[in-house]
Structure formats: structure tokens, C-alpha cells
Amino acid sequence: MTTACRQGCGACCIAPGINTPFYGMPAGKAAGEPCLHLNEHFQCVLFGDPRRPEVCSSFQAEEAVCGSNRADALERLTWLEIASLPLAR
């Protein structure tokens, strides 16, 4: 079930990496690095803006991913980021 984003969370703007360039971040962003567009209230200032990356616009806030609080969200999204990395050979 998709829910509204939790106010003051911003975990999805910190934990995952974005490998493609986007407005203000021509090299993308590394996992664990706060997005340039995350404000001091942990809100995306590009929300609803066409310059917002597609990966961000398509993110669905779900309890299974975001947990019940900001700490859960950071932990779960960080785990998902690490689990999705290709295995080193």
C-alpha cells in the first residue's frame, strides 16, 4: 500500500545513489550523500518540479520500505541500496 511521504524524513533523498546526472548534480549522487535539493526540513525542494529525477518521482513510499519512522526508513533504504549492488568478481 502506497502512503504519503513522512514529513521531515528525507531518507529517500539520502540513502540511495543516483547514477545519472540531474539538475544541480551533474555527476548524480552517491549513496548516503544527501541530495543538494533536500532542505533543512528534510523535504525535497524539487517536489512537483519537472527537473526532479524520474527515479525520485516514481518512488513509492510504502511501509515495507519506509518503516514506521525516519530511522527505519534510513536503515531499510540503506540496506536495499547495498543489497542491490552488483557482486564484485
N, C-alpha and C. Protein backbone atom coordinates (compact mmCIF):
# COMPACT_ATOMS: atom_id res chain seq x y z
N MET A 1 0.84 -1.18 0.00
CA MET A 1 0.00 0.00 0.00
C MET A 1 0.89 1.25 0.00
N THR A 2 0.66 2.14 -0.95
CA THR A 2 1.42 3.38 -1.04
C THR A 2 0.85 4.40 -0.06
N THR A 3 1.74 5.09 0.61
CA THR A 3 1.33 6.10 1.58
C THR A 3 1.97 7.43 1.20
N ALA A 4 1.52 8.49 1.85
CA ALA A 4 2.14 9.79 1.65
C ALA A 4 3.50 9.78 2.33
N CYS A 5 4.41 10.56 1.81
CA CYS A 5 5.73 10.67 2.42
C CYS A 5 5.60 11.22 3.84
N ARG A 6 6.47 10.75 4.71
CA ARG A 6 6.51 11.21 6.10
C ARG A 6 7.17 12.58 6.14
N GLN A 7 6.53 13.55 6.75
CA GLN A 7 7.10 14.88 6.87
C GLN A 7 8.40 14.81 7.68
N GLY A 8 9.42 15.51 7.22
CA GLY A 8 10.68 15.57 7.94
C GLY A 8 11.50 14.30 7.86
N CYS A 9 11.29 13.47 6.86
CA CYS A 9 12.04 12.21 6.75
C CYS A 9 13.24 12.39 5.83
N GLY A 10 13.03 12.45 4.54
CA GLY A 10 14.11 12.66 3.58
C GLY A 10 15.02 11.47 3.37
N ALA A 11 14.70 10.30 3.94
CA ALA A 11 15.57 9.13 3.81
C ALA A 11 15.78 8.75 2.35
N CYS A 12 14.75 8.88 1.52
CA CYS A 12 14.87 8.51 0.11
C CYS A 12 15.72 9.51 -0.66
N CYS A 13 16.03 10.65 -0.04
CA CYS A 13 16.91 11.66 -0.66
C CYS A 13 18.34 11.54 -0.15
N ILE A 14 18.58 10.56 0.72
CA ILE A 14 19.91 10.37 1.29
C ILE A 14 20.45 8.98 0.97
N ALA A 15 19.74 7.93 1.34
CA ALA A 15 20.26 6.56 1.27
C ALA A 15 20.61 6.08 -0.15
N PRO A 16 19.72 6.20 -1.11
CA PRO A 16 20.05 5.64 -2.44
C PRO A 16 21.00 6.53 -3.24
N GLY A 17 21.79 5.88 -4.08
CA GLY A 17 22.61 6.60 -5.04
C GLY A 17 21.82 6.84 -6.31
N ILE A 18 22.16 7.88 -7.02
CA ILE A 18 21.56 8.17 -8.33
C ILE A 18 22.72 8.25 -9.31
N ASN A 19 22.74 7.34 -10.26
CA ASN A 19 23.87 7.22 -11.17
C ASN A 19 23.79 8.09 -12.41
N THR A 20 22.69 8.80 -12.57
CA THR A 20 22.54 9.64 -13.75
C THR A 20 22.57 11.11 -13.35
N PRO A 21 23.05 11.98 -14.23
CA PRO A 21 23.07 13.40 -13.91
C PRO A 21 21.65 13.95 -13.78
N PHE A 22 21.49 14.93 -12.93
CA PHE A 22 20.21 15.63 -12.84
C PHE A 22 20.47 17.06 -12.41
N TYR A 23 19.45 17.88 -12.44
CA TYR A 23 19.54 19.31 -12.19
C TYR A 23 20.34 19.59 -10.91
N GLY A 24 21.43 20.31 -11.05
CA GLY A 24 22.25 20.71 -9.92
C GLY A 24 23.27 19.67 -9.48
N MET A 25 23.14 18.44 -9.98
CA MET A 25 24.06 17.37 -9.61
C MET A 25 24.47 16.63 -10.89
N PRO A 26 25.37 17.23 -11.66
CA PRO A 26 25.73 16.66 -12.96
C PRO A 26 26.42 15.30 -12.89
N ALA A 27 26.93 14.92 -11.74
CA ALA A 27 27.56 13.61 -11.59
C ALA A 27 26.63 12.64 -10.85
N GLY A 28 25.37 13.01 -10.66
CA GLY A 28 24.46 12.20 -9.86
C GLY A 28 24.79 12.38 -8.39
N LYS A 29 24.45 11.39 -7.58
CA LYS A 29 24.80 11.47 -6.15
C LYS A 29 25.13 10.09 -5.63
N ALA A 30 26.07 10.05 -4.72
CA ALA A 30 26.48 8.79 -4.11
C ALA A 30 25.48 8.35 -3.05
N ALA A 31 25.39 7.05 -2.83
CA ALA A 31 24.57 6.52 -1.76
C ALA A 31 25.05 7.10 -0.43
N GLY A 32 24.12 7.51 0.40
CA GLY A 32 24.45 8.07 1.70
C GLY A 32 24.71 9.57 1.67
N GLU A 33 24.80 10.13 0.50
CA GLU A 33 25.03 11.57 0.34
C GLU A 33 23.68 12.28 0.23
N PRO A 34 23.40 13.26 1.06
CA PRO A 34 22.14 13.99 0.93
C PRO A 34 22.08 14.70 -0.43
N CYS A 35 20.93 14.66 -1.05
CA CYS A 35 20.73 15.37 -2.31
C CYS A 35 20.84 16.87 -2.06
N LEU A 36 21.38 17.56 -3.03
CA LEU A 36 21.50 19.01 -2.98
C LEU A 36 20.15 19.69 -2.77
N HIS A 37 19.09 19.06 -3.20
CA HIS A 37 17.75 19.65 -3.16
C HIS A 37 16.96 19.27 -1.91
N LEU A 38 17.61 18.65 -0.95
CA LEU A 38 16.97 18.32 0.32
C LEU A 38 17.18 19.49 1.27
N ASN A 39 16.09 20.10 1.73
CA ASN A 39 16.24 21.29 2.57
C ASN A 39 16.43 20.93 4.04
N GLU A 40 16.55 21.95 4.88
CA GLU A 40 16.83 21.73 6.30
C GLU A 40 15.68 21.06 7.04
N HIS A 41 14.51 20.98 6.41
CA HIS A 41 13.35 20.29 6.99
C HIS A 41 13.19 18.88 6.42
N PHE A 42 14.24 18.42 5.72
CA PHE A 42 14.25 17.10 5.08
C PHE A 42 13.11 16.95 4.08
N GLN A 43 12.89 18.01 3.29
CA GLN A 43 11.89 18.00 2.23
C GLN A 43 12.58 18.30 0.91
N CYS A 44 12.10 17.66 -0.16
CA CYS A 44 12.66 17.89 -1.50
C CYS A 44 12.12 19.20 -2.05
N VAL A 45 13.03 20.11 -2.40
CA VAL A 45 12.58 21.39 -2.96
C VAL A 45 12.22 21.26 -4.44
N LEU A 46 12.52 20.10 -5.04
CA LEU A 46 12.13 19.86 -6.44
C LEU A 46 10.84 19.06 -6.55
N PHE A 47 10.18 18.78 -5.42
CA PHE A 47 8.94 18.00 -5.46
C PHE A 47 7.94 18.69 -6.38
N GLY A 48 7.44 17.96 -7.37
CA GLY A 48 6.49 18.51 -8.33
C GLY A 48 7.13 19.29 -9.46
N ASP A 49 8.44 19.44 -9.45
CA ASP A 49 9.19 20.18 -10.47
C ASP A 49 9.63 19.20 -11.55
N PRO A 50 9.49 19.55 -12.84
CA PRO A 50 9.91 18.63 -13.90
C PRO A 50 11.41 18.34 -13.90
N ARG A 51 12.21 19.12 -13.19
CA ARG A 51 13.65 18.86 -13.12
C ARG A 51 13.98 17.77 -12.11
N ARG A 52 13.01 17.36 -11.34
CA ARG A 52 13.21 16.28 -10.35
C ARG A 52 13.51 14.98 -11.10
N PRO A 53 14.50 14.22 -10.65
CA PRO A 53 14.83 12.97 -11.35
C PRO A 53 13.65 12.00 -11.39
N GLU A 54 13.53 11.30 -12.50
CA GLU A 54 12.44 10.34 -12.68
C GLU A 54 12.45 9.27 -11.59
N VAL A 55 13.64 8.83 -11.20
CA VAL A 55 13.74 7.80 -10.15
C VAL A 55 13.11 8.31 -8.86
N CYS A 56 13.24 9.57 -8.57
CA CYS A 56 12.64 10.16 -7.37
C CYS A 56 11.13 10.29 -7.52
N SER A 57 10.70 10.76 -8.68
CA SER A 57 9.27 10.94 -8.92
C SER A 57 8.51 9.62 -8.88
N SER A 58 9.17 8.53 -9.26
CA SER A 58 8.49 7.24 -9.31
C SER A 58 8.59 6.47 -7.99
N PHE A 59 9.36 6.97 -7.02
CA PHE A 59 9.48 6.29 -5.73
C PHE A 59 8.13 6.26 -5.03
N GLN A 60 7.76 5.09 -4.53
CA GLN A 60 6.51 4.92 -3.80
C GLN A 60 6.81 4.70 -2.32
N ALA A 61 6.37 5.60 -1.49
CA ALA A 61 6.56 5.46 -0.04
C ALA A 61 5.62 4.37 0.45
N GLU A 62 6.21 3.25 0.85
CA GLU A 62 5.44 2.12 1.36
C GLU A 62 6.00 1.73 2.71
N GLU A 63 5.15 1.27 3.61
CA GLU A 63 5.61 0.91 4.95
C GLU A 63 6.70 -0.16 4.90
N ALA A 64 6.61 -1.09 3.96
CA ALA A 64 7.62 -2.15 3.85
C ALA A 64 9.00 -1.57 3.56
N VAL A 65 9.05 -0.45 2.89
CA VAL A 65 10.31 0.19 2.53
C VAL A 65 10.67 1.28 3.54
N CYS A 66 9.70 2.05 3.96
CA CYS A 66 9.96 3.21 4.81
C CYS A 66 9.80 2.96 6.30
N GLY A 67 9.25 1.81 6.68
CA GLY A 67 9.10 1.52 8.10
C GLY A 67 8.14 2.47 8.78
N SER A 68 8.30 2.59 10.09
CA SER A 68 7.35 3.40 10.86
C SER A 68 7.91 4.74 11.29
N ASN A 69 9.20 4.99 10.98
CA ASN A 69 9.79 6.28 11.35
C ASN A 69 11.01 6.56 10.48
N ARG A 70 11.60 7.71 10.63
CA ARG A 70 12.74 8.13 9.80
C ARG A 70 13.93 7.19 9.95
N ALA A 71 14.23 6.78 11.17
CA ALA A 71 15.36 5.87 11.39
C ALA A 71 15.15 4.54 10.67
N ASP A 72 13.92 4.01 10.72
CA ASP A 72 13.60 2.78 9.99
C ASP A 72 13.83 2.98 8.49
N ALA A 73 13.35 4.11 7.99
CA ALA A 73 13.47 4.38 6.56
C ALA A 73 14.93 4.45 6.13
N LEU A 74 15.75 5.16 6.89
CA LEU A 74 17.18 5.25 6.55
C LEU A 74 17.84 3.87 6.57
N GLU A 75 17.52 3.08 7.59
CA GLU A 75 18.11 1.74 7.70
C GLU A 75 17.66 0.85 6.56
N ARG A 76 16.38 0.82 6.27
CA ARG A 76 15.85 -0.05 5.22
C ARG A 76 16.32 0.37 3.83
N LEU A 77 16.28 1.66 3.55
CA LEU A 77 16.72 2.13 2.24
C LEU A 77 18.23 1.93 2.05
N THR A 78 19.00 2.08 3.11
CA THR A 78 20.44 1.81 3.02
C THR A 78 20.67 0.33 2.76
N TRP A 79 19.95 -0.54 3.45
CA TRP A 79 20.08 -1.98 3.22
C TRP A 79 19.72 -2.32 1.78
N LEU A 80 18.63 -1.76 1.28
CA LEU A 80 18.22 -2.04 -0.11
C LEU A 80 19.27 -1.56 -1.10
N GLU A 81 19.87 -0.42 -0.83
CA GLU A 81 20.93 0.11 -1.71
C GLU A 81 22.11 -0.86 -1.74
N ILE A 82 22.54 -1.31 -0.58
CA ILE A 82 23.68 -2.23 -0.50
C ILE A 82 23.32 -3.58 -1.14
N ALA A 83 22.14 -4.08 -0.86
CA ALA A 83 21.71 -5.38 -1.40
C ALA A 83 21.58 -5.37 -2.92
N SER A 84 21.37 -4.19 -3.49
CA SER A 84 21.18 -4.11 -4.95
C SER A 84 22.50 -3.88 -5.71
N LEU A 85 23.60 -3.72 -4.98
CA LEU A 85 24.88 -3.52 -5.66
C LEU A 85 25.32 -4.80 -6.36
N PRO A 86 25.94 -4.66 -7.54
CA PRO A 86 26.45 -5.87 -8.22
C PRO A 86 27.55 -6.50 -7.38
N LEU A 87 27.62 -7.81 -7.41
CA LEU A 87 28.67 -8.52 -6.69
C LEU A 87 30.02 -8.27 -7.35
N ALA A 88 31.03 -8.02 -6.54
CA ALA A 88 32.39 -7.86 -7.08
C ALA A 88 32.92 -9.24 -7.46
N ARG A 89 33.59 -9.29 -8.57
CA ARG A 89 34.11 -10.60 -9.03
C ARG A 89 35.60 -10.52 -9.17
